[in-house]
Amino acid sequence: MPSKNIGERIDARCTRCGARNMQITEEFIGSGHYEVQAGKVSAVASADSFIATGRLFGRCRQCSHDWVFRKNPLAS
């Protein structure tokens, strides 16, 4: 997550109840590869790198409301 350290304040509140206790999830895209031989999985490889989509999701710890941020609250 960009530009914020533990203890720094962010300007974000729950859009439903106004609480400041939340979980912020940043979305990434990655891909996994499965090798199949004779109808059976023979090897699995996970993504070497991930690409940020720029989407951030919030979940309120007080009322469990879910939303998508319009602006990144973690950017400086």
PDB file of N, CA and C in Angstrom:
ATOM      1  N   MET A   1       0.845  -1.174   0.000  1.00  0.00           N
ATOM      2  CA  MET A   1       0.000   0.000   0.000  1.00  0.00           C
ATOM      3  C   MET A   1       0.892   1.239   0.000  1.00  0.00           C
ATOM      4  N   PRO A   2       0.522   2.239  -0.735  1.00  0.00           N
ATOM      5  CA  PRO A   2       1.413   3.374  -0.946  1.00  0.00           C
ATOM      6  C   PRO A   2       1.389   4.412   0.167  1.00  0.00           C
ATOM      7  N   SER A   3       2.553   4.942   0.509  1.00  0.00           N
ATOM      8  CA  SER A   3       2.740   6.226   1.177  1.00  0.00           C
ATOM      9  C   SER A   3       2.222   6.380   2.596  1.00  0.00           C
ATOM     10  N   LYS A   4       1.820   5.374   3.294  1.00  0.00           N
ATOM     11  CA  LYS A   4       1.388   5.538   4.683  1.00  0.00           C
ATOM     12  C   LYS A   4       2.095   4.512   5.557  1.00  0.00           C
ATOM     13  N   ASN A   5       2.469   4.958   6.734  1.00  0.00           N
ATOM     14  CA  ASN A   5       3.111   4.087   7.713  1.00  0.00           C
ATOM     15  C   ASN A   5       2.179   3.879   8.898  1.00  0.00           C
ATOM     16  N   ILE A   6       2.492   2.911   9.729  1.00  0.00           N
ATOM     17  CA  ILE A   6       1.692   2.641  10.921  1.00  0.00           C
ATOM     18  C   ILE A   6       1.690   3.876  11.812  1.00  0.00           C
ATOM     19  N   GLY A   7       0.521   4.274  12.268  1.00  0.00           N
ATOM     20  CA  GLY A   7       0.373   5.426  13.140  1.00  0.00           C
ATOM     21  C   GLY A   7       0.001   6.713  12.423  1.00  0.00           C
ATOM     22  N   GLU A   8       0.150   6.766  11.097  1.00  0.00           N
ATOM     23  CA  GLU A   8      -0.220   7.971  10.344  1.00  0.00           C
ATOM     24  C   GLU A   8      -1.731   8.042  10.171  1.00  0.00           C
ATOM     25  N   ARG A   9      -2.271   9.266  10.220  1.00  0.00           N
ATOM     26  CA  ARG A   9      -3.716   9.469  10.053  1.00  0.00           C
ATOM     27  C   ARG A   9      -4.070   9.485   8.575  1.00  0.00           C
ATOM     28  N   ILE A  10      -5.268   8.997   8.267  1.00  0.00           N
ATOM     29  CA  ILE A  10      -5.803   9.102   6.914  1.00  0.00           C
ATOM     30  C   ILE A  10      -7.151   9.801   6.993  1.00  0.00           C
ATOM     31  N   ASP A  11      -7.515  10.465   5.909  1.00  0.00           N
ATOM     32  CA  ASP A  11      -8.776  11.195   5.849  1.00  0.00           C
ATOM     33  C   ASP A  11      -9.824  10.295   5.203  1.00  0.00           C
ATOM     34  N   ALA A  12     -10.391   9.389   5.976  1.00  0.00           N
ATOM     35  CA  ALA A  12     -11.413   8.477   5.458  1.00  0.00           C
ATOM     36  C   ALA A  12     -12.365   8.103   6.582  1.00  0.00           C
ATOM     37  N   ARG A  13     -13.626   7.987   6.232  1.00  0.00           N
ATOM     38  CA  ARG A  13     -14.678   7.570   7.167  1.00  0.00           C
ATOM     39  C   ARG A  13     -15.616   6.613   6.449  1.00  0.00           C
ATOM     40  N   CYS A  14     -16.340   5.813   7.227  1.00  0.00           N
ATOM     41  CA  CYS A  14     -17.377   4.956   6.662  1.00  0.00           C
ATOM     42  C   CYS A  14     -18.434   5.852   6.026  1.00  0.00           C
ATOM     43  N   THR A  15     -18.847   5.512   4.827  1.00  0.00           N
ATOM     44  CA  THR A  15     -19.839   6.331   4.126  1.00  0.00           C
ATOM     45  C   THR A  15     -21.240   6.155   4.698  1.00  0.00           C
ATOM     46  N   ARG A  16     -21.452   5.138   5.522  1.00  0.00           N
ATOM     47  CA  ARG A  16     -22.771   4.925   6.128  1.00  0.00           C
ATOM     48  C   ARG A  16     -22.857   5.508   7.536  1.00  0.00           C
ATOM     49  N   CYS A  17     -21.942   5.115   8.429  1.00  0.00           N
ATOM     50  CA  CYS A  17     -22.075   5.521   9.838  1.00  0.00           C
ATOM     51  C   CYS A  17     -21.044   6.560  10.278  1.00  0.00           C
ATOM     52  N   GLY A  18     -20.029   6.826   9.457  1.00  0.00           N
ATOM     53  CA  GLY A  18     -19.029   7.833   9.789  1.00  0.00           C
ATOM     54  C   GLY A  18     -17.890   7.347  10.667  1.00  0.00           C
ATOM     55  N   ALA A  19     -17.852   6.061  10.978  1.00  0.00           N
ATOM     56  CA  ALA A  19     -16.792   5.512  11.831  1.00  0.00           C
ATOM     57  C   ALA A  19     -15.436   5.607  11.133  1.00  0.00           C
ATOM     58  N   ARG A  20     -14.374   5.637  11.933  1.00  0.00           N
ATOM     59  CA  ARG A  20     -13.018   5.720  11.389  1.00  0.00           C
ATOM     60  C   ARG A  20     -12.244   4.416  11.575  1.00  0.00           C
ATOM     61  N   ASN A  21     -12.927   3.338  11.964  1.00  0.00           N
ATOM     62  CA  ASN A  21     -12.314   2.016  12.085  1.00  0.00           C
ATOM     63  C   ASN A  21     -12.715   1.206  10.869  1.00  0.00           C
ATOM     64  N   MET A  22     -11.745   0.872  10.027  1.00  0.00           N
ATOM     65  CA  MET A  22     -12.069   0.195   8.774  1.00  0.00           C
ATOM     66  C   MET A  22     -10.902  -0.661   8.305  1.00  0.00           C
ATOM     67  N   GLN A  23     -11.219  -1.535   7.379  1.00  0.00           N
ATOM     68  CA  GLN A  23     -10.208  -2.307   6.664  1.00  0.00           C
ATOM     69  C   GLN A  23     -10.181  -1.760   5.250  1.00  0.00           C
ATOM     70  N   ILE A  24      -8.985  -1.488   4.719  1.00  0.00           N
ATOM     71  CA  ILE A  24      -8.841  -1.027   3.340  1.00  0.00           C
ATOM     72  C   ILE A  24      -8.120  -2.120   2.571  1.00  0.00           C
ATOM     73  N   THR A  25      -8.710  -2.526   1.452  1.00  0.00           N
ATOM     74  CA  THR A  25      -8.147  -3.583   0.621  1.00  0.00           C
ATOM     75  C   THR A  25      -7.783  -3.001  -0.735  1.00  0.00           C
ATOM     76  N   GLU A  26      -6.528  -3.210  -1.160  1.00  0.00           N
ATOM     77  CA  GLU A  26      -6.068  -2.751  -2.465  1.00  0.00           C
ATOM     78  C   GLU A  26      -6.114  -3.934  -3.430  1.00  0.00           C
ATOM     79  N   GLU A  27      -6.703  -3.728  -4.609  1.00  0.00           N
ATOM     80  CA  GLU A  27      -6.886  -4.807  -5.582  1.00  0.00           C
ATOM     81  C   GLU A  27      -5.669  -4.918  -6.503  1.00  0.00           C
ATOM     82  N   PHE A  28      -5.210  -6.146  -6.711  1.00  0.00           N
ATOM     83  CA  PHE A  28      -4.115  -6.448  -7.625  1.00  0.00           C
ATOM     84  C   PHE A  28      -4.559  -7.533  -8.599  1.00  0.00           C
ATOM     85  N   ILE A  29      -3.914  -7.575  -9.764  1.00  0.00           N
ATOM     86  CA  ILE A  29      -4.176  -8.628 -10.745  1.00  0.00           C
ATOM     87  C   ILE A  29      -2.909  -9.465 -10.885  1.00  0.00           C
ATOM     88  N   GLY A  30      -3.073 -10.752 -10.797  1.00  0.00           N
ATOM     89  CA  GLY A  30      -1.979 -11.693 -11.000  1.00  0.00           C
ATOM     90  C   GLY A  30      -2.545 -12.914 -11.702  1.00  0.00           C
ATOM     91  N   SER A  31      -1.701 -13.785 -12.143  1.00  0.00           N
ATOM     92  CA  SER A  31      -2.209 -14.979 -12.812  1.00  0.00           C
ATOM     93  C   SER A  31      -1.435 -16.201 -12.341  1.00  0.00           C
ATOM     94  N   GLY A  32      -2.121 -17.307 -12.304  1.00  0.00           N
ATOM     95  CA  GLY A  32      -1.499 -18.580 -11.978  1.00  0.00           C
ATOM     96  C   GLY A  32      -1.555 -19.472 -13.207  1.00  0.00           C
ATOM     97  N   HIS A  33      -0.612 -20.366 -13.307  1.00  0.00           N
ATOM     98  CA  HIS A  33      -0.555 -21.259 -14.460  1.00  0.00           C
ATOM     99  C   HIS A  33      -0.634 -22.704 -13.980  1.00  0.00           C
ATOM    100  N   TYR A  34      -1.477 -23.470 -14.638  1.00  0.00           N
ATOM    101  CA  TYR A  34      -1.632 -24.890 -14.327  1.00  0.00           C
ATOM    102  C   TYR A  34      -1.231 -25.688 -15.555  1.00  0.00           C
ATOM    103  N   GLU A  35      -0.330 -26.612 -15.385  1.00  0.00           N
ATOM    104  CA  GLU A  35       0.079 -27.502 -16.467  1.00  0.00           C
ATOM    105  C   GLU A  35      -0.717 -28.795 -16.319  1.00  0.00           C
ATOM    106  N   VAL A  36      -1.396 -29.204 -17.393  1.00  0.00           N
ATOM    107  CA  VAL A  36      -2.244 -30.392 -17.356  1.00  0.00           C
ATOM    108  C   VAL A  36      -1.722 -31.404 -18.372  1.00  0.00           C
ATOM    109  N   GLN A  37      -1.511 -32.630 -17.921  1.00  0.00           N
ATOM    110  CA  GLN A  37      -1.081 -33.712 -18.800  1.00  0.00           C
ATOM    111  C   GLN A  37      -1.973 -34.917 -18.557  1.00  0.00           C
ATOM    112  N   ALA A  38      -2.535 -35.439 -19.620  1.00  0.00           N
ATOM    113  CA  ALA A  38      -3.427 -36.599 -19.571  1.00  0.00           C
ATOM    114  C   ALA A  38      -4.604 -36.352 -18.632  1.00  0.00           C
ATOM    115  N   GLY A  39      -5.091 -35.109 -18.601  1.00  0.00           N
ATOM    116  CA  GLY A  39      -6.257 -34.788 -17.792  1.00  0.00           C
ATOM    117  C   GLY A  39      -5.987 -34.570 -16.316  1.00  0.00           C
ATOM    118  N   LYS A  40      -4.717 -34.543 -15.913  1.00  0.00           N
ATOM    119  CA  LYS A  40      -4.364 -34.335 -14.510  1.00  0.00           C
ATOM    120  C   LYS A  40      -3.407 -33.152 -14.386  1.00  0.00           C
ATOM    121  N   VAL A  41      -3.576 -32.389 -13.318  1.00  0.00           N
ATOM    122  CA  VAL A  41      -2.676 -31.264 -13.069  1.00  0.00           C
ATOM    123  C   VAL A  41      -1.301 -31.814 -12.708  1.00  0.00           C
ATOM    124  N   SER A  42      -0.280 -31.388 -13.472  1.00  0.00           N
ATOM    125  CA  SER A  42       1.066 -31.892 -13.220  1.00  0.00           C
ATOM    126  C   SER A  42       1.986 -30.840 -12.598  1.00  0.00           C
ATOM    127  N   ALA A  43       1.656 -29.554 -12.756  1.00  0.00           N
ATOM    128  CA  ALA A  43       2.477 -28.491 -12.169  1.00  0.00           C
ATOM    129  C   ALA A  43       1.628 -27.244 -11.974  1.00  0.00           C
ATOM    130  N   VAL A  44       1.952 -26.497 -10.931  1.00  0.00           N
ATOM    131  CA  VAL A  44       1.257 -25.245 -10.639  1.00  0.00           C
ATOM    132  C   VAL A  44       2.311 -24.170 -10.418  1.00  0.00           C
ATOM    133  N   ALA A  45       2.142 -23.027 -11.090  1.00  0.00           N
ATOM    134  CA  ALA A  45       3.054 -21.892 -10.912  1.00  0.00           C
ATOM    135  C   ALA A  45       2.234 -20.652 -10.602  1.00  0.00           C
ATOM    136  N   SER A  46       2.624 -19.941  -9.558  1.00  0.00           N
ATOM    137  CA  SER A  46       1.906 -18.716  -9.201  1.00  0.00           C
ATOM    138  C   SER A  46       2.515 -17.525  -9.930  1.00  0.00           C
ATOM    139  N   ALA A  47       1.856 -16.382  -9.824  1.00  0.00           N
ATOM    140  CA  ALA A  47       2.302 -15.176 -10.506  1.00  0.00           C
ATOM    141  C   ALA A  47       3.637 -14.702  -9.940  1.00  0.00           C
ATOM    142  N   ASP A  48       4.524 -14.267 -10.828  1.00  0.00           N
ATOM    143  CA  ASP A  48       5.804 -13.703 -10.406  1.00  0.00           C
ATOM    144  C   ASP A  48       5.652 -12.244 -10.004  1.00  0.00           C
ATOM    145  N   SER A  49       4.692 -11.564 -10.618  1.00  0.00           N
ATOM    146  CA  SER A  49       4.468 -10.154 -10.297  1.00  0.00           C
ATOM    147  C   SER A  49       2.975  -9.856 -10.338  1.00  0.00           C
ATOM    148  N   PHE A  50       2.602  -8.821  -9.639  1.00  0.00           N
ATOM    149  CA  PHE A  50       1.210  -8.395  -9.592  1.00  0.00           C
ATOM    150  C   PHE A  50       1.112  -6.972 -10.112  1.00  0.00           C
ATOM    151  N   ILE A  51      -0.026  -6.638 -10.679  1.00  0.00           N
ATOM    152  CA  ILE A  51      -0.270  -5.303 -11.214  1.00  0.00           C
ATOM    153  C   ILE A  51      -1.415  -4.684 -10.420  1.00  0.00           C
ATOM    154  N   ALA A  52      -1.190  -3.490  -9.865  1.00  0.00           N
ATOM    155  CA  ALA A  52      -2.234  -2.795  -9.108  1.00  0.00           C
ATOM    156  C   ALA A  52      -3.289  -2.266 -10.072  1.00  0.00           C
ATOM    157  N   THR A  53      -4.554  -2.455  -9.720  1.00  0.00           N
ATOM    158  CA  THR A  53      -5.647  -1.952 -10.557  1.00  0.00           C
ATOM    159  C   THR A  53      -6.006  -0.517 -10.206  1.00  0.00           C
ATOM    160  N   GLY A  54      -5.565  -0.054  -9.045  1.00  0.00           N
ATOM    161  CA  GLY A  54      -5.917   1.287  -8.597  1.00  0.00           C
ATOM    162  C   GLY A  54      -7.209   1.339  -7.805  1.00  0.00           C
ATOM    163  N   ARG A  55      -7.876   0.205  -7.646  1.00  0.00           N
ATOM    164  CA  ARG A  55      -9.137   0.166  -6.890  1.00  0.00           C
ATOM    165  C   ARG A  55      -8.856  -0.152  -5.432  1.00  0.00           C
ATOM    166  N   LEU A  56      -9.512   0.601  -4.556  1.00  0.00           N
ATOM    167  CA  LEU A  56      -9.408   0.394  -3.115  1.00  0.00           C
ATOM    168  C   LEU A  56     -10.802   0.191  -2.558  1.00  0.00           C
ATOM    169  N   PHE A  57     -10.956  -0.813  -1.720  1.00  0.00           N
ATOM    170  CA  PHE A  57     -12.243  -1.149  -1.122  1.00  0.00           C
ATOM    171  C   PHE A  57     -12.171  -0.904   0.379  1.00  0.00           C
ATOM    172  N   GLY A  58     -13.263  -0.425   0.959  1.00  0.00           N
ATOM    173  CA  GLY A  58     -13.337  -0.220   2.397  1.00  0.00           C
ATOM    174  C   GLY A  58     -14.387  -1.125   3.013  1.00  0.00           C
ATOM    175  N   ARG A  59     -14.126  -1.566   4.238  1.00  0.00           N
ATOM    176  CA  ARG A  59     -15.106  -2.316   5.027  1.00  0.00           C
ATOM    177  C   ARG A  59     -15.078  -1.750   6.439  1.00  0.00           C
ATOM    178  N   CYS A  60     -16.223  -1.239   6.869  1.00  0.00           N
ATOM    179  CA  CYS A  60     -16.346  -0.635   8.190  1.00  0.00           C
ATOM    180  C   CYS A  60     -16.313  -1.719   9.257  1.00  0.00           C
ATOM    181  N   ARG A  61     -15.488  -1.517  10.284  1.00  0.00           N
ATOM    182  CA  ARG A  61     -15.392  -2.467  11.389  1.00  0.00           C
ATOM    183  C   ARG A  61     -16.522  -2.275  12.390  1.00  0.00           C
ATOM    184  N   GLN A  62     -17.283  -1.183  12.269  1.00  0.00           N
ATOM    185  CA  GLN A  62     -18.373  -0.922  13.202  1.00  0.00           C
ATOM    186  C   GLN A  62     -19.712  -1.421  12.669  1.00  0.00           C
ATOM    187  N   CYS A  63     -20.042  -1.106  11.393  1.00  0.00           N
ATOM    188  CA  CYS A  63     -21.360  -1.478  10.855  1.00  0.00           C
ATOM    189  C   CYS A  63     -21.276  -2.485   9.706  1.00  0.00           C
ATOM    190  N   SER A  64     -20.066  -2.926   9.322  1.00  0.00           N
ATOM    191  CA  SER A  64     -19.819  -3.922   8.263  1.00  0.00           C
ATOM    192  C   SER A  64     -20.216  -3.448   6.870  1.00  0.00           C
ATOM    193  N   HIS A  65     -20.330  -2.138   6.675  1.00  0.00           N
ATOM    194  CA  HIS A  65     -20.653  -1.587   5.357  1.00  0.00           C
ATOM    195  C   HIS A  65     -19.446  -1.733   4.429  1.00  0.00           C
ATOM    196  N   ASP A  66     -19.681  -2.106   3.157  1.00  0.00           N
ATOM    197  CA  ASP A  66     -18.635  -2.222   2.139  1.00  0.00           C
ATOM    198  C   ASP A  66     -18.810  -1.122   1.110  1.00  0.00           C
ATOM    199  N   TRP A  67     -17.704  -0.538   0.638  1.00  0.00           N
ATOM    200  CA  TRP A  67     -17.766   0.488  -0.403  1.00  0.00           C
ATOM    201  C   TRP A  67     -16.449   0.525  -1.167  1.00  0.00           C
ATOM    202  N   VAL A  68     -16.461   1.258  -2.300  1.00  0.00           N
ATOM    203  CA  VAL A  68     -15.270   1.478  -3.118  1.00  0.00           C
ATOM    204  C   VAL A  68     -14.877   2.946  -2.970  1.00  0.00           C
ATOM    205  N   PHE A  69     -13.597   3.199  -2.700  1.00  0.00           N
ATOM    206  CA  PHE A  69     -13.118   4.571  -2.581  1.00  0.00           C
ATOM    207  C   PHE A  69     -13.046   5.229  -3.955  1.00  0.00           C
ATOM    208  N   ARG A  70     -13.455   6.485  -4.043  1.00  0.00           N
ATOM    209  CA  ARG A  70     -13.318   7.260  -5.286  1.00  0.00           C
ATOM    210  C   ARG A  70     -11.916   7.842  -5.402  1.00  0.00           C
ATOM    211  N   LYS A  71     -11.370   8.284  -4.262  1.00  0.00           N
ATOM    212  CA  LYS A  71     -10.000   8.801  -4.214  1.00  0.00           C
ATOM    213  C   LYS A  71      -9.205   7.929  -3.255  1.00  0.00           C
ATOM    214  N   ASN A  72      -7.920   7.790  -3.514  1.00  0.00           N
ATOM    215  CA  ASN A  72      -7.056   6.954  -2.693  1.00  0.00           C
ATOM    216  C   ASN A  72      -6.778   7.641  -1.352  1.00  0.00           C
ATOM    217  N   PRO A  73      -7.291   7.101  -0.233  1.00  0.00           N
ATOM    218  CA  PRO A  73      -7.048   7.725   1.067  1.00  0.00           C
ATOM    219  C   PRO A  73      -5.635   7.472   1.590  1.00  0.00           C
ATOM    220  N   LEU A  74      -4.888   6.594   0.938  1.00  0.00           N
ATOM    221  CA  LEU A  74      -3.543   6.255   1.380  1.00  0.00           C
ATOM    222  C   LEU A  74      -2.469   7.082   0.686  1.00  0.00           C
ATOM    223  N   ALA A  75      -2.842   7.837  -0.351  1.00  0.00           N
ATOM    224  CA  ALA A  75      -1.877   8.670  -1.067  1.00  0.00           C
ATOM    225  C   ALA A  75      -1.546   9.898  -0.227  1.00  0.00           C
ATOM    226  N   SER A  76      -0.325  10.355  -0.323  1.00  0.00           N
ATOM    227  CA  SER A  76       0.086  11.522   0.479  1.00  0.00           C
ATOM    228  C   SER A  76      -0.498  12.803  -0.039  1.00  0.00           C
TER     229      SER A  76
END
